[in-house]
Amino acid sequence: MQKIQNLASSPYLLITTPFGTAKVSLDQQSSWKIGRGKDNDIALPDKSTSRYHALLQLLGDNFTLIDLGSRNGSFVNSQRVIVPTALKPGDRISIGNTYIDFFYPQHQPNQFEDSTTSTAKTEMLHQRQLITVLVIDIRNFTRLSQQLDENILSQMIGSWFNQAGQIVSSYGSAVNKYIGDAVMSIWIHNPELNNNCINQSLSQSSSQQMLQIFSALRELFIMSNSLNRKFQLPFTLRVGAGINTGYAMVGQMGTSGTDYTALGDTVNAAFRLESVTKEINVDIALGQKTYESMPNAHLLLPFKQHLVNLKGYDKRISTYAGNLIDLEHYLKNMNL
C-alpha cells in the first residue's frame, strides 16, 4: 500500500457541474461513493445522476471506477463503464451532466516509494491478521457481453456489484473490492489479537462469524439468480465462489482507520479456488482451513474433498467443494 507523502503528488478530482467547479483530494480513503444522494462521499447536485451512481476505489496504488447500475451510465473518455475500469491521469469521467477529471501527479503505476522514511511509515500501517477471503465471480462474462445489449449489460452488472457490496457489508465484511467481473470481500477474525498471538486458532466468536460469511454467500447466490428474472438475459446467469482462511498482512488507511487492504497467499488462493469451481463443476470451493473452521461441517455440510492443481502452486491443494443446495442444507441445519 502506498503512503502518499505530500499534496504535490496526491491524486485528486476536478469536478465540473452545471453549478460550478470543485477539487476533491483522494488521499484519505480507499473508496468513494458518487451520486446524487447527500450521503455519498462525493455528492453531485445533478438531477441526471442516480442516487448511488458510481464507486471510485483504490486498489494498490491504482484507481478504478465502478458503475453501480445507474440509469444513465458512467463513462470514461466517452466509453461506457461496464466492468471496473482503471483510471489513468488525465482521464475524464462523465456522469449525467457532470464532468470529473482525474489527476495523479507524479504517478507511476505499480511503483512504490522506497525511502527509509516512507517504508517505516508503511510498515506501521500493517499487521498480520487471521482473515477469511470470499471471491465471487460471474461465469461466462465474455459470452454474456457479446450477446447482450450494452445498456442492459451495464445496468445488470452495475446492479450486481451494488447489491453484492450491500450484502457482504451487512454481514460485517471489512474489505469489499470490485475486480473485473468479480467481488472480493474480507472478514478479519479476532481483530483484538496482535502479532504475539498469531498461533491462536479461530475463537468461538470467529466461528460464529464464519456462519455469517456463509449466510452472506447464500444471499449472494440468491441475488445473482434474481437478476435472471429482472433482465432479459440470453442464458442463465451463474456465479462461482472461492473462500479461503489464513493469515495475511492487513493494512489500515484513512483518517478513521476503517479502510483496509490485505495482501498475501491467503488472498491469492481464494481467487484460485474460485477459478477451480469451473473445472470441477461446482458452485463453491473452500480452502481446508475454511472448511475446518465451519462449525460441524464434517457432519452437516455435504461438500466433497478434492485434490486440485491451483495456478501458481507446485503441489496439489485440498479443497472441499459443492453446490448452493448443499450450503442451504447446512445453514438450515444450523438454524440459519
Protein backbone atom coordinates (compact mmCIF):
# COMPACT_ATOMS: atom_id res chain seq x y z
CA MET A 1 0.00 0.00 0.00
CA GLN A 2 1.39 3.35 -1.00
CA LYS A 3 1.54 6.11 1.59
CA ILE A 4 1.10 9.48 -0.07
CA GLN A 5 3.60 11.84 1.45
CA ASN A 6 2.67 15.30 0.22
CA LEU A 7 -0.10 17.14 -1.53
CA ALA A 8 2.08 17.81 -4.57
CA SER A 9 1.88 14.13 -5.50
CA SER A 10 -1.62 13.43 -4.15
CA PRO A 11 -4.33 12.25 -6.55
CA TYR A 12 -7.41 14.43 -6.90
CA LEU A 13 -10.58 15.01 -8.90
CA LEU A 14 -11.63 18.22 -10.59
CA ILE A 15 -15.43 18.13 -10.68
CA THR A 16 -17.38 20.37 -13.04
CA THR A 17 -21.16 20.53 -12.58
CA PRO A 18 -23.74 22.94 -14.02
CA PHE A 19 -23.28 24.92 -10.79
CA GLY A 20 -19.50 25.28 -10.70
CA THR A 21 -16.18 23.51 -10.19
CA ALA A 22 -14.72 21.80 -7.11
CA LYS A 23 -11.48 19.97 -6.30
CA VAL A 24 -11.63 16.76 -4.24
CA SER A 25 -8.50 15.17 -2.77
CA LEU A 26 -8.20 11.37 -2.87
CA ASP A 27 -5.58 10.78 -0.18
CA GLN A 28 -7.67 9.90 2.90
CA GLN A 29 -9.78 6.87 1.92
CA SER A 30 -9.74 3.78 -0.26
CA SER A 31 -13.24 4.16 -1.75
CA TRP A 32 -15.63 6.99 -2.59
CA LYS A 33 -19.33 6.65 -3.44
CA ILE A 34 -20.52 9.10 -6.09
CA GLY A 35 -24.10 10.13 -6.74
CA ARG A 36 -26.99 12.49 -6.19
CA GLY A 37 -27.68 11.37 -2.62
CA LYS A 38 -26.33 13.62 0.12
CA ASP A 39 -24.87 10.62 1.97
CA ASN A 40 -22.38 9.91 -0.84
CA ASP A 41 -18.70 10.69 -0.31
CA ILE A 42 -18.95 12.83 -3.44
CA ALA A 43 -22.48 14.26 -3.69
CA LEU A 44 -23.35 15.71 -7.09
CA PRO A 45 -26.02 18.43 -7.50
CA ASP A 46 -27.07 16.88 -10.79
CA LYS A 47 -30.61 15.54 -11.31
CA SER A 48 -29.48 13.35 -14.21
CA THR A 49 -27.33 11.21 -11.90
CA SER A 50 -28.63 8.28 -9.86
CA ARG A 51 -28.80 8.48 -6.08
CA TYR A 52 -25.91 6.00 -5.84
CA HIS A 53 -24.37 6.25 -9.27
CA ALA A 54 -20.78 5.00 -9.17
CA LEU A 55 -17.92 3.97 -6.92
CA LEU A 56 -14.29 5.02 -7.11
CA GLN A 57 -11.91 2.64 -5.36
CA LEU A 58 -8.19 2.41 -4.72
CA LEU A 59 -6.53 -0.94 -5.46
CA GLY A 60 -2.84 -0.91 -4.60
CA ASP A 61 -1.87 2.47 -6.00
CA ASN A 62 -4.34 2.36 -8.89
CA PHE A 63 -7.81 3.90 -9.03
CA THR A 64 -10.81 2.09 -10.54
CA LEU A 65 -14.30 3.33 -11.43
CA ILE A 66 -17.33 1.05 -10.98
CA ASP A 67 -20.82 1.91 -12.21
CA LEU A 68 -23.48 0.84 -9.68
CA GLY A 69 -26.25 0.05 -12.15
CA SER A 70 -27.09 3.70 -12.85
CA ARG A 71 -29.88 4.55 -15.26
CA ASN A 72 -27.82 6.90 -17.46
CA GLY A 73 -24.49 5.14 -17.14
CA SER A 74 -20.95 6.22 -16.29
CA PHE A 75 -18.37 6.96 -18.97
CA VAL A 76 -14.57 7.23 -19.06
CA ASN A 77 -13.29 9.15 -22.08
CA SER A 78 -16.71 8.69 -23.72
CA GLN A 79 -16.59 4.88 -23.28
CA ARG A 80 -19.36 3.39 -21.16
CA VAL A 81 -18.18 1.69 -17.97
CA ILE A 82 -19.44 -1.89 -17.81
CA VAL A 83 -16.85 -3.64 -15.64
CA PRO A 84 -14.50 -1.89 -13.18
CA THR A 85 -12.33 0.43 -15.27
CA ALA A 86 -8.80 1.52 -14.30
CA LEU A 87 -8.17 5.26 -14.48
CA LYS A 88 -5.12 6.99 -15.92
CA PRO A 89 -4.04 10.55 -15.11
CA GLY A 90 -5.95 12.92 -17.38
CA ASP A 91 -8.97 10.64 -17.84
CA ARG A 92 -12.37 12.32 -17.93
CA ILE A 93 -15.35 10.70 -16.21
CA SER A 94 -18.81 11.69 -17.42
CA ILE A 95 -21.77 11.18 -15.08
CA GLY A 96 -25.01 12.82 -16.18
CA ASN A 97 -24.23 16.47 -16.84
CA THR A 98 -21.14 16.35 -14.63
CA TYR A 99 -17.53 16.02 -15.80
CA ILE A 100 -14.91 14.64 -13.43
CA ASP A 101 -11.25 14.94 -14.45
CA PHE A 102 -8.81 12.58 -12.72
CA PHE A 103 -5.32 13.80 -11.84
CA TYR A 104 -2.48 11.86 -10.26
CA PRO A 105 0.72 13.98 -10.28
CA GLN A 106 4.00 12.04 -10.49
CA HIS A 107 2.10 8.75 -10.59
CA GLN A 108 3.98 5.67 -11.77
CA PRO A 109 1.75 2.57 -11.80
CA ASN A 110 2.90 -0.28 -9.57
CA GLN A 111 5.83 1.73 -8.25
CA PHE A 112 6.18 2.26 -4.50
CA GLU A 113 8.22 4.79 -2.59
CA ASP A 114 11.40 3.15 -1.33
CA SER A 115 12.87 5.73 1.01
CA THR A 116 13.64 4.61 4.57
CA THR A 117 11.14 7.07 6.00
CA SER A 118 8.35 6.01 3.67
CA THR A 119 8.93 2.29 4.26
CA ALA A 120 8.85 2.72 8.03
CA LYS A 121 5.56 4.59 7.87
CA THR A 122 4.04 1.99 5.56
CA GLU A 123 5.06 -0.91 7.78
CA MET A 124 3.39 0.74 10.76
CA LEU A 125 0.08 0.55 8.92
CA HIS A 126 0.20 -3.25 8.53
CA GLN A 127 -0.45 -6.11 10.92
CA ARG A 128 -0.59 -9.85 10.45
CA GLN A 129 -4.21 -10.91 10.87
CA LEU A 130 -6.30 -14.03 10.54
CA ILE A 131 -8.80 -13.42 7.74
CA THR A 132 -11.34 -15.14 5.54
CA VAL A 133 -11.48 -14.10 1.88
CA LEU A 134 -14.55 -14.61 -0.30
CA VAL A 135 -14.29 -14.20 -4.08
CA ILE A 136 -17.45 -14.44 -6.18
CA ASP A 137 -17.30 -14.21 -9.96
CA ILE A 138 -19.78 -14.04 -12.83
CA ARG A 139 -19.50 -17.09 -15.11
CA ASN A 140 -19.18 -16.71 -18.89
CA PHE A 141 -19.00 -12.93 -18.72
CA THR A 142 -17.25 -12.61 -22.10
CA ARG A 143 -20.01 -14.59 -23.80
CA LEU A 144 -22.63 -12.52 -21.98
CA SER A 145 -21.04 -9.25 -23.10
CA GLN A 146 -21.07 -10.44 -26.72
CA GLN A 147 -24.77 -11.31 -26.72
CA LEU A 148 -26.33 -8.63 -24.52
CA ASP A 149 -27.13 -5.02 -25.39
CA GLU A 150 -24.51 -2.70 -23.86
CA ASN A 151 -27.03 -0.62 -21.92
CA ILE A 152 -28.70 -3.66 -20.37
CA LEU A 153 -25.32 -5.27 -19.67
CA SER A 154 -24.10 -2.15 -17.87
CA GLN A 155 -27.23 -1.91 -15.73
CA MET A 156 -27.19 -5.62 -14.92
CA ILE A 157 -23.50 -5.75 -13.95
CA GLY A 158 -23.76 -2.49 -12.03
CA SER A 159 -26.79 -3.77 -10.15
CA TRP A 160 -24.91 -6.98 -9.32
CA PHE A 161 -21.90 -5.07 -7.96
CA ASN A 162 -24.10 -2.69 -5.98
CA GLN A 163 -26.22 -5.41 -4.37
CA ALA A 164 -23.22 -7.66 -3.73
CA GLY A 165 -21.48 -4.84 -1.88
CA GLN A 166 -24.55 -4.19 0.25
CA ILE A 167 -24.92 -7.87 1.14
CA VAL A 168 -21.34 -8.50 2.27
CA SER A 169 -21.22 -5.20 4.15
CA SER A 170 -24.39 -6.12 6.04
CA TYR A 171 -22.65 -9.30 7.19
CA GLY A 172 -19.59 -7.50 8.50
CA SER A 173 -17.07 -7.58 5.66
CA ALA A 174 -14.16 -5.21 6.33
CA VAL A 175 -12.98 -5.07 2.71
CA ASN A 176 -15.05 -5.01 -0.48
CA LYS A 177 -13.18 -4.75 -3.78
CA TYR A 178 -14.53 -4.94 -7.32
CA ILE A 179 -12.11 -6.55 -9.75
CA GLY A 180 -13.04 -7.35 -13.35
CA ASP A 181 -16.30 -9.31 -13.10
CA ALA A 182 -15.65 -10.39 -9.51
CA VAL A 183 -16.18 -9.12 -5.98
CA MET A 184 -13.61 -9.81 -3.25
CA SER A 185 -14.68 -9.46 0.38
CA ILE A 186 -12.58 -9.96 3.51
CA TRP A 187 -13.56 -10.63 7.10
CA ILE A 188 -10.98 -10.05 9.84
CA HIS A 189 -11.09 -12.57 12.70
CA ASN A 190 -10.06 -11.70 16.24
CA PRO A 191 -9.11 -8.10 15.38
CA GLU A 192 -8.08 -7.58 19.00
CA LEU A 193 -5.21 -10.04 18.59
CA ASN A 194 -1.69 -8.82 17.82
CA ASN A 195 1.39 -10.50 16.41
CA ASN A 196 2.13 -12.14 19.77
CA CYS A 197 -0.98 -14.27 19.36
CA ILE A 198 -0.73 -15.33 15.73
CA ASN A 199 -0.83 -19.04 16.52
CA GLN A 200 -4.23 -18.82 18.20
CA SER A 201 -6.93 -20.62 16.24
CA LEU A 202 -10.37 -19.29 15.47
CA SER A 203 -12.25 -18.34 18.62
CA GLN A 204 -15.89 -19.18 19.25
CA SER A 205 -16.88 -15.67 18.15
CA SER A 206 -14.96 -16.13 14.91
CA SER A 207 -16.69 -19.47 14.34
CA GLN A 208 -19.98 -17.61 14.53
CA GLN A 209 -18.50 -15.10 12.12
CA MET A 210 -17.89 -17.96 9.67
CA LEU A 211 -21.62 -18.68 9.75
CA GLN A 212 -22.25 -15.03 8.90
CA ILE A 213 -19.91 -15.31 5.92
CA PHE A 214 -21.77 -18.32 4.57
CA SER A 215 -25.11 -16.66 5.17
CA ALA A 216 -23.81 -13.77 3.05
CA LEU A 217 -22.73 -16.24 0.38
CA ARG A 218 -26.21 -17.75 0.26
CA GLU A 219 -27.71 -14.28 -0.24
CA LEU A 220 -25.18 -13.53 -2.99
CA PHE A 221 -26.31 -16.60 -4.92
CA ILE A 222 -29.99 -15.77 -4.41
CA MET A 223 -29.44 -12.16 -5.51
CA SER A 224 -27.49 -13.25 -8.60
CA ASN A 225 -30.25 -15.65 -9.59
CA SER A 226 -32.87 -12.90 -9.21
CA LEU A 227 -31.18 -10.93 -11.99
CA ASN A 228 -32.31 -13.62 -14.44
CA ARG A 229 -35.89 -12.52 -13.77
CA LYS A 230 -35.16 -8.79 -13.74
CA PHE A 231 -33.22 -8.66 -17.02
CA GLN A 232 -33.86 -10.46 -20.30
CA LEU A 233 -30.60 -12.42 -20.49
CA PRO A 234 -29.62 -14.69 -23.41
CA PHE A 235 -28.77 -17.51 -20.98
CA THR A 236 -28.95 -18.18 -17.25
CA LEU A 237 -26.59 -16.04 -15.20
CA ARG A 238 -24.40 -18.15 -12.93
CA VAL A 239 -21.73 -17.31 -10.38
CA GLY A 240 -18.97 -19.25 -8.64
CA ALA A 241 -17.27 -18.62 -5.31
CA GLY A 242 -13.97 -19.43 -3.64
CA ILE A 243 -13.38 -18.96 0.10
CA ASN A 244 -10.08 -19.22 1.91
CA THR A 245 -8.97 -18.64 5.51
CA GLY A 246 -5.46 -17.88 6.74
CA TYR A 247 -3.06 -15.16 7.77
CA ALA A 248 -2.31 -12.09 5.68
CA MET A 249 -0.80 -8.65 6.07
CA VAL A 250 -3.75 -6.35 6.67
CA GLY A 251 -3.20 -2.63 6.27
CA GLN A 252 -5.27 0.28 7.51
CA MET A 253 -5.55 3.63 5.79
CA GLY A 254 -7.68 6.72 6.09
CA THR A 255 -8.19 9.11 8.96
CA SER A 256 -10.74 6.82 10.61
CA GLY A 257 -8.56 3.72 10.33
CA THR A 258 -11.52 1.74 8.97
CA ASP A 259 -10.34 1.32 5.36
CA TYR A 260 -8.45 -1.94 4.99
CA THR A 261 -6.43 -3.75 2.38
CA ALA A 262 -4.92 -7.24 2.52
CA LEU A 263 -2.00 -8.88 0.75
CA GLY A 264 -0.58 -12.38 0.57
CA ASP A 265 -1.11 -16.00 -0.36
CA THR A 266 -4.38 -16.30 1.55
CA VAL A 267 -5.95 -13.73 -0.78
CA ASN A 268 -4.41 -15.19 -3.94
CA ALA A 269 -5.61 -18.71 -3.09
CA ALA A 270 -9.22 -17.51 -2.78
CA PHE A 271 -9.12 -16.31 -6.40
CA ARG A 272 -7.59 -19.63 -7.50
CA LEU A 273 -10.26 -21.59 -5.63
CA GLU A 274 -12.98 -19.63 -7.40
CA SER A 275 -11.37 -20.46 -10.75
CA VAL A 276 -11.25 -24.16 -9.94
CA THR A 277 -15.04 -24.31 -9.41
CA LYS A 278 -15.43 -24.25 -13.20
CA GLU A 279 -13.02 -27.17 -13.62
CA ILE A 280 -14.73 -29.46 -11.11
CA ASN A 281 -18.24 -28.23 -11.97
CA VAL A 282 -19.33 -26.90 -8.58
CA ASP A 283 -20.64 -23.59 -7.26
CA ILE A 284 -18.35 -23.21 -4.25
CA ALA A 285 -14.79 -24.26 -3.35
CA LEU A 286 -13.37 -23.89 0.17
CA GLY A 287 -9.82 -23.89 1.43
CA GLN A 288 -9.12 -26.58 4.01
CA LYS A 289 -8.76 -24.09 6.88
CA THR A 290 -12.14 -22.57 5.96
CA TYR A 291 -13.84 -25.96 5.97
CA GLU A 292 -12.26 -26.92 9.29
CA SER A 293 -13.36 -23.60 10.83
CA MET A 294 -17.04 -24.10 9.99
CA PRO A 295 -18.99 -25.44 12.99
CA ASN A 296 -20.00 -29.10 12.48
CA ALA A 297 -19.08 -29.00 8.80
CA HIS A 298 -17.87 -32.61 8.83
CA LEU A 299 -21.34 -33.69 9.98
CA LEU A 300 -23.70 -31.25 8.29
CA LEU A 301 -22.02 -29.85 5.16
CA PRO A 302 -22.13 -32.39 2.30
CA PHE A 303 -19.16 -30.98 0.41
CA LYS A 304 -16.70 -33.41 -1.19
CA GLN A 305 -12.93 -33.25 -0.79
CA HIS A 306 -10.88 -32.74 -3.96
CA LEU A 307 -7.16 -32.51 -4.63
CA VAL A 308 -6.75 -29.78 -7.22
CA ASN A 309 -3.98 -28.04 -9.09
CA LEU A 310 -4.14 -24.30 -8.46
CA LYS A 311 -2.34 -21.96 -10.84
CA GLY A 312 0.93 -20.80 -9.32
CA TYR A 313 1.17 -23.67 -6.80
CA ASP A 314 3.67 -26.52 -7.12
CA LYS A 315 1.68 -29.05 -5.10
CA ARG A 316 -1.92 -30.10 -5.31
CA ILE A 317 -4.17 -28.39 -2.78
CA SER A 318 -7.01 -29.92 -0.79
CA THR A 319 -10.37 -28.21 -1.26
CA TYR A 320 -13.88 -29.00 -0.13
CA ALA A 321 -16.41 -28.21 -2.82
CA GLY A 322 -20.12 -28.39 -3.51
CA ASN A 323 -23.19 -26.54 -4.70
CA LEU A 324 -25.60 -23.96 -3.36
CA ILE A 325 -28.13 -26.62 -2.41
CA ASP A 326 -25.51 -28.22 -0.14
CA LEU A 327 -24.81 -24.89 1.55
CA GLU A 328 -28.53 -24.24 2.05
CA HIS A 329 -28.86 -27.69 3.65
CA TYR A 330 -26.02 -26.88 6.05
CA LEU A 331 -27.35 -23.46 7.05
CA LYS A 332 -30.85 -24.88 7.58
CA ASN A 333 -29.43 -27.49 9.94
CA MET A 334 -27.56 -24.72 11.76
CA ASN A 335 -30.92 -22.92 12.16
CA LEU A 336 -29.87 -20.09 9.85
